C-alpha cells in the first residue's frame, strides 16, 4: 500500500484521479489539455498512478484510454476506515462517468494465489457467496450456458456465459434483478481476466455495455467484492465491511 499513499500524496496526481472520476476512460491528449504542464509531465504522473494500481489502461487501435481503478482505495478503506465507519460510507465507492454513449468500468487487483484457485473462487457457488454479498452464482460454466445469481429463493441476477476459457477468461452478459431500478437497466457485460504474475495473479474485471448514467448499484459494489475475494484467498477470512454480507 506504500505505492498508493505515495501516488496520492501529490496534488497533481489527485487532480488526475478527480478528472477520471468526472469522466472515466480518457486519452492522454484529453487529460493533457486540463493541465498547465508538459505532456511528458502528465505521462510521468499517470505512470505512477498505474504503478500504484489506481489507474488502468486499455488500448483501442492506436489510442490508449485511462480508467480510474478504485480497488486499492477500497482496500485502504477496508483496512483502516471500515471498522470505525457507519454503513453509509460504503456508498462512497460508487462511480459515475461516461464513455461515448456507453459507460465502461475497469477494476484491477493483484491476489497472491494461482489461476486455478482464483478461477474456482469465481465459479464455485459456495466460495463466491463468501465475498459476493452472500450471493451464490450457479452454472455449468460452458460457452453459451446460463448462470443465475441468488440468495436462497431471492433472484439477484441472470445471464449467459458468452466466453468460458478456464482459468484465464470469462465473459458474461448479465441482467441484475435485485430491484426494479437495476432490472430496468437491461443487459450489460462482465469480463473476468486472469493473468499470472510471479506467485500472484492480476485479476481485471471490466463491466461495460452500460448505458450512460446507468444506476450505480450495477457497478459500485465491485471494489468491495474484489477486496473480499482477495481477503478470502489470501487469509481465509471473511470481509465484514458494511453490506459485504448483505444476503448471507
Protein backbone atom coordinates (compact mmCIF):
# COMPACT_ATOMS: atom_id res chain seq x y z
CA UNK A 1 0.00 0.00 0.00
CA UNK A 2 3.04 2.30 0.18
CA UNK A 3 2.79 2.93 -3.57
CA UNK A 4 -0.84 4.00 -3.17
CA UNK A 5 -0.01 6.53 -0.46
CA UNK A 6 2.96 7.88 -2.45
CA UNK A 7 0.77 8.29 -5.51
CA UNK A 8 -1.97 10.06 -3.56
CA UNK A 9 0.48 12.39 -1.83
CA UNK A 10 0.95 14.53 -4.95
CA UNK A 11 -1.80 17.11 -5.68
CA UNK A 12 -1.38 16.78 -9.45
CA UNK A 13 -1.97 13.03 -9.29
CA UNK A 14 -5.01 13.57 -7.08
CA UNK A 15 -6.32 16.03 -9.67
CA UNK A 16 -5.77 13.44 -12.42
CA UNK A 17 -7.87 10.98 -10.42
CA UNK A 18 -10.52 13.66 -9.99
CA UNK A 19 -10.59 14.12 -13.76
CA UNK A 20 -11.06 10.40 -14.31
CA UNK A 21 -13.75 10.35 -11.62
CA UNK A 22 -15.51 13.13 -13.51
CA UNK A 23 -15.13 11.40 -16.87
CA UNK A 24 -13.67 7.91 -17.00
CA UNK A 25 -11.87 6.40 -19.98
CA UNK A 26 -9.84 9.42 -21.19
CA UNK A 27 -6.84 9.52 -23.51
CA UNK A 28 -3.54 11.20 -22.63
CA UNK A 29 -4.36 14.02 -25.05
CA UNK A 30 -7.69 14.71 -23.33
CA UNK A 31 -6.06 14.76 -19.90
CA UNK A 32 -3.11 16.85 -21.10
CA UNK A 33 -5.45 19.68 -22.12
CA UNK A 34 -6.53 20.15 -18.49
CA UNK A 35 -3.04 20.73 -17.05
CA UNK A 36 -0.54 23.55 -17.40
CA UNK A 37 2.44 21.24 -17.73
CA UNK A 38 4.18 19.33 -20.47
CA UNK A 39 2.70 16.18 -21.98
CA UNK A 40 5.72 14.33 -20.62
CA UNK A 41 4.92 15.57 -17.11
CA UNK A 42 1.36 14.28 -17.33
CA UNK A 43 2.68 10.95 -18.63
CA UNK A 44 5.02 10.62 -15.62
CA UNK A 45 2.19 11.22 -13.17
CA UNK A 46 -0.06 8.74 -14.97
CA UNK A 47 2.75 6.18 -14.89
CA UNK A 48 2.99 6.46 -11.10
CA UNK A 49 -0.77 6.10 -10.78
CA UNK A 50 -0.61 2.98 -12.96
CA UNK A 51 2.20 1.51 -10.88
CA UNK A 52 0.09 2.07 -7.75
CA UNK A 53 -2.86 0.34 -9.42
CA UNK A 54 -5.01 3.47 -9.22
CA UNK A 55 -5.24 3.82 -13.00
CA UNK A 56 -5.80 1.01 -15.52
CA UNK A 57 -5.28 1.45 -19.27
CA UNK A 58 -6.98 -0.11 -22.27
CA UNK A 59 -5.84 0.21 -25.91
CA UNK A 60 -8.30 0.63 -28.76
CA UNK A 61 -6.48 0.85 -32.05
CA UNK A 62 -3.76 3.49 -31.73
CA UNK A 63 -5.30 5.20 -28.70
CA UNK A 64 -4.86 4.30 -25.03
CA UNK A 65 -7.64 5.10 -22.58
CA UNK A 66 -7.13 5.61 -18.85
CA UNK A 67 -9.64 4.39 -16.24
CA UNK A 68 -9.87 5.12 -12.54
CA UNK A 69 -9.43 1.89 -10.54
CA UNK A 70 -10.93 2.39 -7.04
CA UNK A 71 -9.99 -1.05 -5.70
CA UNK A 72 -6.70 -0.01 -3.98
CA UNK A 73 -8.54 2.85 -2.25
CA UNK A 74 -11.20 0.37 -1.19
CA UNK A 75 -8.50 -1.84 0.36
CA UNK A 76 -7.22 1.13 2.35
CA UNK A 77 -10.79 1.79 3.48
CA UNK A 78 -11.30 -1.84 4.49
CA UNK A 79 -8.09 -1.93 6.50
CA UNK A 80 -8.33 1.33 8.43
CA UNK A 81 -11.69 3.02 7.96
CA UNK A 82 -14.49 0.46 7.83
CA UNK A 83 -14.03 -0.83 11.35
CA UNK A 84 -14.91 2.66 12.66
CA UNK A 85 -17.24 3.99 9.99
CA UNK A 86 -21.00 3.92 9.65
CA UNK A 87 -22.56 1.76 6.88
CA UNK A 88 -23.24 4.75 4.62
CA UNK A 89 -19.53 5.05 3.87
CA UNK A 90 -19.79 2.00 1.60
CA UNK A 91 -21.63 4.21 -0.87
CA UNK A 92 -18.50 6.29 -1.45
CA UNK A 93 -17.11 3.58 -3.74
CA UNK A 94 -19.81 4.24 -6.39
CA UNK A 95 -18.59 5.98 -9.53
CA UNK A 96 -20.41 7.77 -12.33
CA UNK A 97 -18.85 8.57 -15.67
CA UNK A 98 -19.40 8.32 -19.41
CA UNK A 99 -17.64 6.97 -22.49
CA UNK A 100 -19.31 7.94 -25.74
CA UNK A 101 -22.89 6.59 -25.49
CA UNK A 102 -22.00 3.81 -23.07
CA UNK A 103 -20.04 3.51 -19.87
CA UNK A 104 -17.19 1.13 -19.20
CA UNK A 105 -15.74 0.41 -15.76
CA UNK A 106 -12.40 -1.34 -15.28
CA UNK A 107 -11.24 -2.77 -11.93
CA UNK A 108 -7.85 -4.38 -11.29
CA UNK A 109 -6.42 -6.19 -8.28
CA UNK A 110 -3.41 -8.42 -7.53
CA UNK A 111 -4.04 -11.57 -5.47
CA UNK A 112 -1.44 -13.98 -4.15
CA UNK A 113 -2.91 -17.23 -5.48
CA UNK A 114 -2.87 -19.50 -8.54
CA UNK A 115 -5.03 -19.00 -11.65
CA UNK A 116 -6.79 -22.30 -10.96
CA UNK A 117 -7.68 -21.37 -7.40
CA UNK A 118 -8.83 -17.91 -8.49
CA UNK A 119 -11.00 -19.39 -11.25
CA UNK A 120 -12.57 -21.76 -8.73
CA UNK A 121 -13.30 -18.87 -6.37
CA UNK A 122 -15.12 -17.07 -9.19
CA UNK A 123 -17.17 -20.06 -10.36
CA UNK A 124 -17.80 -22.13 -7.20
CA UNK A 125 -21.18 -21.12 -5.69
CA UNK A 126 -20.20 -21.64 -2.05
CA UNK A 127 -16.90 -19.78 -2.33
CA UNK A 128 -18.49 -16.98 -4.36
CA UNK A 129 -21.04 -16.36 -1.61
CA UNK A 130 -18.22 -15.68 0.86
CA UNK A 131 -17.22 -12.41 -0.82
CA UNK A 132 -20.07 -11.55 -3.23
CA UNK A 133 -22.54 -10.09 -0.73
CA UNK A 134 -23.51 -13.61 0.32
CA UNK A 135 -24.86 -14.37 -3.18
CA UNK A 136 -24.34 -17.73 -4.91
CA UNK A 137 -23.72 -17.98 -8.68
CA UNK A 138 -24.65 -21.30 -10.30
CA UNK A 139 -23.92 -22.56 -13.83
CA UNK A 140 -22.33 -25.46 -15.68
CA UNK A 141 -19.76 -22.90 -16.95
CA UNK A 142 -19.76 -23.86 -20.62
CA UNK A 143 -19.89 -21.40 -23.55
CA UNK A 144 -23.49 -20.36 -24.21
CA UNK A 145 -24.76 -21.72 -20.90
CA UNK A 146 -26.87 -19.72 -18.45
CA UNK A 147 -25.92 -18.59 -14.97
CA UNK A 148 -28.09 -17.49 -12.07
CA UNK A 149 -27.17 -15.41 -9.05
CA UNK A 150 -29.37 -15.79 -5.99
CA UNK A 151 -29.61 -15.72 -2.22
CA UNK A 152 -31.92 -18.52 -1.13
CA UNK A 153 -35.11 -18.07 -3.18
CA UNK A 154 -34.34 -14.43 -3.96
CA UNK A 155 -33.14 -13.95 -7.56
CA UNK A 156 -30.35 -11.36 -7.83
CA UNK A 157 -29.23 -11.75 -11.44
CA UNK A 158 -29.11 -13.95 -14.52
CA UNK A 159 -27.41 -14.13 -17.88
CA UNK A 160 -25.29 -16.06 -20.36
CA UNK A 161 -21.67 -17.22 -20.29
CA UNK A 162 -20.51 -15.84 -23.65
CA UNK A 163 -16.85 -16.99 -23.34
CA UNK A 164 -15.51 -19.60 -20.94
CA UNK A 165 -11.74 -20.18 -21.05
CA UNK A 166 -10.56 -21.54 -17.67
CA UNK A 167 -8.50 -20.40 -15.90
CA UNK A 168 -7.93 -17.28 -17.97
CA UNK A 169 -11.07 -15.53 -19.20
CA UNK A 170 -14.79 -15.46 -18.52
CA UNK A 171 -17.18 -13.16 -20.41
CA UNK A 172 -20.79 -12.89 -19.28
CA UNK A 173 -23.87 -10.96 -20.36
CA UNK A 174 -25.85 -10.16 -17.24
CA UNK A 175 -29.17 -8.70 -16.14
CA UNK A 176 -29.44 -7.73 -12.48
CA UNK A 177 -32.74 -8.42 -10.74
CA UNK A 178 -32.49 -7.34 -7.11
CA UNK A 179 -34.67 -4.24 -7.68
CA UNK A 180 -36.92 -2.78 -10.36
CA UNK A 181 -34.42 0.05 -10.86
CA UNK A 182 -31.49 -2.21 -11.76
CA UNK A 183 -33.70 -4.61 -13.74
CA UNK A 184 -34.81 -1.71 -15.94
CA UNK A 185 -31.16 -1.08 -16.91
CA UNK A 186 -31.26 -4.22 -19.06
CA UNK A 187 -28.25 -6.32 -20.04
CA UNK A 188 -24.61 -5.37 -19.51
CA UNK A 189 -21.35 -7.32 -19.96
CA UNK A 190 -18.86 -8.50 -17.33
CA UNK A 191 -15.40 -9.75 -18.34
CA UNK A 192 -13.07 -11.52 -15.88
CA UNK A 193 -9.42 -11.78 -17.00
CA UNK A 194 -6.79 -13.70 -15.01
CA UNK A 195 -3.08 -13.25 -15.72
CA UNK A 196 -0.32 -14.99 -13.71
CA UNK A 197 2.30 -12.59 -12.36
CA UNK A 198 5.06 -14.35 -10.40
CA UNK A 199 3.47 -16.09 -7.41
CA UNK A 200 0.30 -13.99 -7.81
CA UNK A 201 -2.45 -13.22 -10.30
CA UNK A 202 -3.64 -9.97 -11.79
CA UNK A 203 -7.42 -10.02 -11.95
CA UNK A 204 -9.07 -7.46 -14.20
CA UNK A 205 -12.84 -7.09 -14.17
CA UNK A 206 -14.36 -4.98 -16.94
CA UNK A 207 -18.03 -4.06 -16.62
CA UNK A 208 -19.19 -2.44 -19.85
CA UNK A 209 -22.11 -2.05 -22.24
CA UNK A 210 -23.68 0.11 -19.54
CA UNK A 211 -25.84 3.00 -20.65
CA UNK A 212 -24.56 6.50 -19.96
CA UNK A 213 -25.67 7.45 -16.45
CA UNK A 214 -26.52 3.85 -15.52
CA UNK A 215 -27.63 3.09 -11.97
CA UNK A 216 -24.51 3.00 -9.76
CA UNK A 217 -25.82 -0.10 -7.97
CA UNK A 218 -24.78 -2.10 -11.05
CA UNK A 219 -21.06 -1.38 -10.70
CA UNK A 220 -20.49 0.44 -7.40
CA UNK A 221 -20.08 -2.80 -5.44
CA UNK A 222 -17.11 -4.15 -7.42
CA UNK A 223 -14.39 -2.64 -5.19
CA UNK A 224 -15.92 -4.32 -2.14
CA UNK A 225 -16.43 -7.65 -3.94
CA UNK A 226 -12.84 -7.78 -5.21
CA UNK A 227 -11.48 -6.73 -1.82
CA UNK A 228 -13.43 -9.58 -0.27
CA UNK A 229 -12.14 -12.02 -2.88
CA UNK A 230 -8.54 -11.02 -2.18
CA UNK A 231 -9.05 -11.27 1.58
CA UNK A 232 -10.63 -14.72 1.33
CA UNK A 233 -7.99 -16.22 -0.96
CA UNK A 234 -5.01 -14.77 0.91
CA UNK A 235 -6.21 -15.16 4.52
CA UNK A 236 -9.24 -17.46 4.52
CA UNK A 237 -11.16 -14.78 6.40
CA UNK A 238 -14.46 -13.11 5.53
CA UNK A 239 -14.52 -9.40 4.84
CA UNK A 240 -17.20 -7.86 7.04
CA UNK A 241 -17.31 -4.32 5.70
CA UNK A 242 -20.77 -2.71 5.57
CA UNK A 243 -23.02 -4.55 3.14
CA UNK A 244 -20.48 -7.24 2.23
CA UNK A 245 -22.64 -9.96 3.78
CA UNK A 246 -25.93 -8.38 2.68
CA UNK A 247 -27.62 -11.58 1.56
CA UNK A 248 -25.86 -14.13 3.77
